[in-house]
Protein backbone atom coordinates (compact mmCIF):
# COMPACT_ATOMS: atom_id res chain seq x y z
CA MET A 1 122.68 57.96 82.82
CA THR A 2 120.58 58.76 85.85
CA LEU A 3 120.59 61.98 87.30
CA GLN A 4 122.01 60.96 90.39
CA THR A 5 124.89 59.76 88.37
CA MET A 6 125.78 63.05 86.62
CA ALA A 7 125.41 64.83 89.80
CA LEU A 8 128.42 62.74 91.44
CA MET A 9 130.17 63.03 88.44
CA PHE A 10 130.09 66.63 88.86
CA LEU A 11 131.22 66.59 92.52
CA VAL A 12 133.98 64.41 91.68
CA THR A 13 135.32 66.73 88.95
CA MET A 14 134.72 69.81 90.86
CA SER A 15 136.93 68.11 93.60
CA VAL A 16 139.73 67.47 91.43
CA GLY A 17 139.99 70.31 89.76
CA GLY A 18 139.72 72.24 92.94
CA ILE A 19 142.87 70.14 94.15
CA ALA A 20 144.54 70.60 91.19
CA TRP A 21 144.16 74.62 91.07
CA VAL A 22 145.19 74.95 95.00
CA PHE A 23 148.60 72.70 94.59
CA LEU A 24 149.48 72.81 90.63
CA TYR A 25 148.54 76.33 89.85
CA PRO A 26 151.44 77.91 91.99
CA LEU A 27 154.18 75.75 90.29
CA LEU A 28 152.98 76.28 86.79
CA SER A 29 152.24 80.10 87.10
CA GLY A 30 155.23 80.53 88.80
CA GLU A 31 154.02 82.20 92.00
CA LYS A 32 155.82 79.86 94.65
CA ALA A 33 159.67 80.72 92.67
CA ALA A 34 158.24 84.39 93.01
CA GLU A 35 157.53 84.10 96.64
CA GLU A 36 161.33 82.52 97.35
CA ARG A 37 162.88 85.35 95.39
CA PHE A 38 160.92 87.52 97.40
CA GLY A 39 161.60 85.74 100.87
CA SER A 40 165.15 86.12 100.02
CA VAL A 41 165.33 89.50 98.98
CA VAL A 42 163.42 90.38 102.14
CA ARG A 43 165.15 88.14 104.70
CA ALA A 44 167.46 90.20 107.33
CA GLU A 45 170.75 88.94 106.81
CA PRO A 46 173.38 90.37 109.49
CA VAL A 47 175.77 91.99 107.81
CA ARG A 48 177.72 92.80 110.97
CA LYS A 49 177.42 92.23 114.68
CA VAL A 50 176.37 95.53 116.44
CA ALA A 51 178.37 96.01 120.09
CA SER A 52 175.04 97.96 121.50
CA ARG A 53 171.86 98.72 120.30
CA SER A 54 170.83 102.08 119.39
CA PRO A 55 168.88 104.32 121.92
CA GLN A 56 166.08 104.40 119.11
CA ARG A 57 165.54 100.81 119.30
CA LEU A 58 165.71 100.58 123.15
CA ARG A 59 163.19 103.48 123.28
CA ARG A 60 160.68 101.58 120.82
CA GLU A 61 161.33 98.35 122.86
CA GLN A 62 160.18 100.08 125.71
CA ILE A 63 157.40 101.39 124.14
CA GLU A 64 156.44 97.81 122.62
CA GLU A 65 156.58 96.39 126.14
CA THR A 66 154.29 99.00 127.77
CA LEU A 67 151.52 98.61 125.25
CA LYS A 68 151.73 95.01 125.93
CA GLU A 69 151.67 95.39 129.50
CA ILE A 70 148.50 97.69 128.88
CA GLU A 71 146.72 95.30 126.91
CA ILE A 72 147.06 92.48 129.40
CA ARG A 73 145.56 94.94 131.74
CA GLY A 74 142.86 95.65 129.48
CA ARG A 75 141.73 92.02 129.06
CA LYS A 76 142.21 91.30 132.33
CA ALA A 77 139.47 94.44 132.96
CA ASN A 78 136.92 92.94 130.37
CA ARG A 79 136.47 89.89 132.82
CA PRO A 80 136.06 91.70 136.31
CA SER A 81 135.52 90.07 139.54
CA LEU A 82 132.35 90.94 141.94
CA SER A 83 134.28 93.03 144.05
CA VAL A 84 135.93 95.29 141.14
CA ARG A 85 132.17 95.58 140.02
CA ILE A 86 131.05 96.77 143.29
CA ALA A 87 134.02 99.33 143.13
CA ARG A 88 133.18 100.40 139.72
CA ALA A 89 129.87 101.46 140.71
CA GLY A 90 131.25 103.56 143.20
CA LEU A 91 130.33 101.42 146.14
CA ASP A 92 131.78 100.67 149.33
CA TRP A 93 130.30 97.47 149.83
CA SER A 94 131.73 93.95 150.54
CA LYS A 95 130.48 90.82 148.61
CA ARG A 96 129.05 89.65 151.59
CA LYS A 97 126.66 92.47 151.95
CA PHE A 98 125.93 92.50 148.23
CA ILE A 99 125.17 88.97 148.32
CA THR A 100 123.14 89.08 151.53
CA ILE A 101 120.98 92.13 149.98
CA GLY A 102 120.68 89.85 146.63
CA ILE A 103 119.02 86.94 148.91
CA VAL A 104 117.00 89.34 151.00
CA LEU A 105 115.56 90.64 147.76
CA GLY A 106 114.45 87.33 146.45
CA VAL A 107 112.70 86.01 149.64
CA SER A 108 111.17 89.14 149.62
CA VAL A 109 109.75 89.03 146.31
CA PHE A 110 108.85 85.20 146.53
CA ALA A 111 107.15 85.60 149.76
CA VAL A 112 104.85 88.46 148.70
CA VAL A 113 104.15 86.56 145.30
CA PHE A 114 103.45 83.37 147.09
CA LEU A 115 101.20 84.87 149.82
CA GLY A 116 99.61 86.77 147.13
CA GLY A 117 98.12 83.87 145.62
CA GLY A 118 100.52 83.63 142.44
CA GLY A 119 101.40 80.24 142.76
CA PRO A 120 104.93 78.39 143.60
CA LEU A 121 106.23 78.46 140.44
CA ALA A 122 105.71 82.08 139.13
CA ALA A 123 107.00 83.05 142.82
CA LEU A 124 110.30 81.00 142.43
CA GLY A 125 110.99 82.67 139.10
CA LEU A 126 110.10 86.29 140.08
CA GLY A 127 112.07 85.51 143.23
CA PHE A 128 115.39 84.20 141.51
CA GLY A 129 114.87 87.16 139.16
CA ALA A 130 114.64 89.99 141.99
CA GLY A 131 117.42 88.20 143.69
CA ALA A 132 119.85 87.61 141.09
CA GLY A 133 118.72 90.60 138.51
CA LEU A 134 118.13 93.69 140.37
CA PRO A 135 121.69 93.89 142.37
CA ASN A 136 123.32 93.29 139.07
CA TRP A 137 121.14 95.94 137.31
CA LEU A 138 121.91 98.16 140.10
CA LEU A 139 125.35 97.77 139.37
CA SER A 140 125.25 98.28 136.06
CA PHE A 141 123.37 101.40 136.14
CA LEU A 142 125.44 103.23 138.76
CA ARG A 143 128.61 102.07 136.68
CA LYS A 144 127.08 103.76 133.50
CA ARG A 145 126.14 106.91 135.44
CA ARG A 146 129.67 107.19 137.17
CA GLU A 147 131.29 107.05 134.08
CA THR A 148 129.29 109.46 132.37
CA LYS A 149 130.09 111.83 134.91
CA PHE A 150 133.61 110.66 134.79
CA LEU A 151 133.79 111.37 130.98
CA GLN A 152 131.98 114.93 131.59
CA HIS A 153 134.69 116.12 133.80
CA PHE A 154 137.59 114.27 132.22
CA PRO A 155 139.19 116.59 129.81
CA ASP A 156 138.93 119.50 132.07
CA ALA A 157 141.02 117.62 134.31
CA VAL A 158 143.41 116.62 131.54
CA ASP A 159 143.69 120.31 130.32
CA VAL A 160 144.57 121.20 134.20
CA ILE A 161 147.67 118.94 133.97
CA VAL A 162 148.66 120.28 130.70
CA ARG A 163 148.27 123.85 132.26
CA GLY A 164 150.14 122.83 135.48
CA ILE A 165 153.00 121.12 133.28
CA LYS A 166 153.69 124.26 131.06
CA ALA A 167 153.62 126.26 134.23
CA GLY A 168 156.64 124.09 135.72
CA LEU A 169 154.78 121.90 137.59
CA PRO A 170 155.56 118.06 137.67
CA LEU A 171 152.93 115.65 136.86
CA PHE A 172 152.41 114.25 140.70
CA ASP A 173 151.50 118.06 141.64
CA SER A 174 149.31 118.60 138.89
CA MET A 175 147.02 115.82 139.85
CA LYS A 176 147.27 117.19 143.30
CA VAL A 177 145.60 120.06 142.29
CA ILE A 178 142.69 117.85 140.33
CA VAL A 179 142.40 116.17 143.83
CA ALA A 180 141.60 119.27 145.17
CA ASP A 181 139.43 121.25 142.98
CA SER A 182 137.56 118.29 140.96
CA GLU A 183 134.19 116.71 141.33
CA GLU A 184 133.48 113.08 141.63
CA PRO A 185 134.50 110.62 140.41
CA ILE A 186 137.64 112.47 138.96
CA ARG A 187 138.67 113.45 142.53
CA SER A 188 138.43 110.07 144.06
CA GLU A 189 139.84 108.26 140.76
CA PHE A 190 142.97 110.38 141.01
CA ARG A 191 143.25 110.51 144.54
CA ALA A 192 143.74 106.72 144.24
CA ILE A 193 146.37 107.41 141.44
CA LEU A 194 148.23 109.50 143.92
CA GLU A 195 148.07 107.14 146.86
CA THR A 196 148.91 104.15 144.66
CA GLN A 197 152.21 106.05 143.64
CA THR A 198 152.90 107.27 147.06
CA ILE A 199 153.23 103.46 148.12
CA GLY A 200 156.07 102.76 145.75
CA MET A 201 154.34 102.27 142.44
CA PRO A 202 155.88 104.09 139.22
CA LEU A 203 153.42 107.21 138.44
CA GLY A 204 153.16 105.52 134.57
CA GLU A 205 151.99 102.21 135.81
CA ALA A 206 149.51 103.75 138.68
CA CYS A 207 148.29 106.02 135.64
CA SER A 208 147.73 102.74 133.40
CA ARG A 209 145.46 101.09 136.16
CA LEU A 210 142.83 103.73 135.91
CA TYR A 211 141.44 102.03 132.97
CA GLU A 212 140.86 98.75 135.59
CA ARG A 213 138.59 101.02 137.52
CA ILE A 214 137.17 103.29 134.81
CA PRO A 215 136.75 100.83 131.97
CA LEU A 216 136.43 103.46 129.28
CA PRO A 217 138.80 103.93 126.04
CA GLU A 218 139.38 107.43 127.29
CA ALA A 219 140.83 106.25 130.49
CA ASN A 220 142.86 103.86 128.53
CA PHE A 221 144.31 106.54 126.42
CA PHE A 222 145.40 108.77 129.16
CA GLY A 223 147.16 105.69 131.10
CA ILE A 224 149.06 104.58 127.53
CA VAL A 225 150.23 108.63 127.14
CA VAL A 226 151.56 108.55 130.48
CA ALA A 227 153.17 105.21 130.92
CA ILE A 228 155.04 105.45 127.50
CA GLN A 229 156.02 109.12 128.30
CA GLN A 230 157.41 107.64 131.70
CA GLN A 231 159.26 104.96 130.02
CA ALA A 232 160.36 106.64 126.61
CA GLY A 233 160.46 110.57 127.80
CA GLY A 234 159.29 113.26 125.59
CA ASN A 235 156.98 116.32 125.62
CA LEU A 236 154.10 115.36 128.29
CA SER A 237 152.30 118.61 128.00
CA GLU A 238 151.91 118.34 124.22
CA ALA A 239 150.84 114.57 124.33
CA LEU A 240 148.23 115.48 126.78
CA GLY A 241 147.11 118.49 125.15
CA ASN A 242 146.44 116.51 121.81
CA LEU A 243 144.47 113.51 124.10
CA SER A 244 142.86 116.67 125.40
CA ARG A 245 141.72 117.28 121.76
CA VAL A 246 140.99 113.71 121.23
CA LEU A 247 138.56 113.64 124.34
CA ARG A 248 136.69 116.77 123.21
CA ASP A 249 136.13 115.32 119.92
CA ARG A 250 134.93 111.88 120.93
CA LYS A 251 132.42 113.45 123.26
CA LYS A 252 131.19 115.95 120.45
CA MET A 253 130.92 112.64 118.14
CA LYS A 254 128.75 110.81 121.06
CA GLU A 255 126.76 114.10 121.30
CA LYS A 256 126.10 114.24 117.70
CA ILE A 257 125.31 110.35 117.48
CA LYS A 258 122.97 110.55 120.56
CA ALA A 259 120.99 113.49 118.66
CA MET A 260 120.73 111.75 115.58
CA SER A 261 119.72 108.49 116.86
CA MET A 262 116.87 110.20 118.95
CA GLU A 263 114.28 109.53 116.43
CA ALA A 264 114.92 105.83 115.92
CA LYS A 265 114.85 105.73 119.75
CA ALA A 266 111.62 107.36 120.04
CA SER A 267 110.05 104.99 117.25
CA ALA A 268 111.39 102.04 119.37
CA SER A 269 109.78 103.36 122.75
CA ILE A 270 106.45 103.88 120.55
CA ILE A 271 106.41 100.40 119.28
CA GLY A 272 107.36 98.94 122.57
CA ALA A 273 104.70 100.70 124.70
CA LEU A 274 102.16 99.83 121.86
CA PRO A 275 100.83 96.47 122.79
CA PRO A 276 100.81 97.20 126.41
CA ILE A 277 98.57 100.38 125.88
CA VAL A 278 96.20 98.53 123.32
CA MET A 279 95.95 95.39 125.78
CA LEU A 280 94.97 98.11 128.68
CA THR A 281 92.55 99.66 126.37
CA VAL A 282 90.90 97.01 125.53
CA TYR A 283 90.74 95.75 129.33
CA ILE A 284 88.96 99.11 130.00
CA THR A 285 86.46 98.83 127.27
CA SER A 286 85.82 95.21 127.17
CA PRO A 287 87.03 93.37 130.08
CA ASP A 288 85.52 90.17 129.31
CA TYR A 289 86.44 90.22 125.96
CA ILE A 290 90.52 90.13 127.08
CA SER A 291 90.10 88.56 130.72
CA LEU A 292 90.50 85.15 129.09
CA LEU A 293 94.33 85.62 128.72
CA TRP A 294 94.64 85.50 132.48
CA THR A 295 91.59 83.13 133.62
CA HIS A 296 92.16 80.56 130.83
CA PRO A 297 95.23 77.86 130.69
CA THR A 298 95.49 78.57 127.09
CA GLY A 299 95.46 82.28 127.60
CA HIS A 300 98.66 82.05 130.18
CA ILE A 301 100.51 79.94 127.30
CA LEU A 302 99.64 83.08 125.23
CA LEU A 303 100.68 85.69 127.60
CA ALA A 304 103.79 84.10 127.96
CA CYS A 305 104.75 83.85 124.43
CA SER A 306 103.75 87.35 123.48
CA ALA A 307 106.16 88.25 126.64
CA ALA A 308 108.81 86.12 125.20
CA TRP A 309 108.38 87.69 121.78
CA MET A 310 107.98 91.01 123.01
CA THR A 311 111.16 90.89 124.70
CA CYS A 312 113.05 89.88 121.91
CA GLY A 313 111.78 92.42 119.83
CA ILE A 314 112.59 95.10 122.34
CA LEU A 315 116.48 93.66 122.52
CA VAL A 316 116.50 93.23 118.80
CA MET A 317 115.63 97.33 118.48
CA LYS A 318 118.06 98.15 121.52
CA LYS A 319 121.01 96.56 119.45
CA MET A 320 120.06 98.11 116.32
CA ILE A 321 119.59 101.81 118.00
CA ASN A 322 122.71 101.71 120.18
CA PHE A 323 125.99 103.04 118.30
CA ASP A 324 129.14 102.28 119.41
CA PHE A 325 132.27 103.87 118.06
């Protein structure tokens, strides 16, 4: 018997055994009968018809519907349009202005590189990168900076609402105090909530829309708390007080993670900066030795491959040292 025949018989035997285990074992061991018995026990059988649903059940259903609406809205916030991204960055640009700026940047970089003797391919690549990459990077940078400022002052704004409600002010008037005394971007975001509520939208839904403009878990928590309180009632000052403590604890945790990851970030910065520094040092000491990299076609290929591998390494290190929770 050859080795191939033995391997084929082994595979057939294992296949037959696996099929038998899947289909025959539940019948022989009694698992199927046990599952049927358990299902008959836990199956909800109506004993009598209830004329009306209890208030607790109605409240639970309202909370479930509110959470579903907020979840759907959060999914939409993860796929923002260009106008939404511009608004999240705190800019009042139109889409036409943003696209025009990108085109001007791309054409300018293409002209500078091409007229400087960089070649049409390099000029086209750099022009496309400048036109498509720089504006989007600017939006991302401004959005992150705005979100950082929002998180810095948001717990204080929630505390203002809690103290106002405990003093007898309604939620709407407490938010007016935040609009009058807080800093940006807290002021503009709560002003948007008040303006949205003024035109007829319920205050709970207006607060839940904060997550669309500031896609942060903290903003989502605030919208959920206010929306559920508006739908089902409850002690809003206590709920927002608990939310304020959670926000401050999350802020402390972020700062702690940032401090503990500084060593890894410093190591990654040194590793990423070492090849360019070594290249510059060799160029200063022995320019003829390293000048082949940009004077010879093989050197061009090596430079491109080195840049690609360096980019991959930097992205991998960035992924390793960035902690999310």
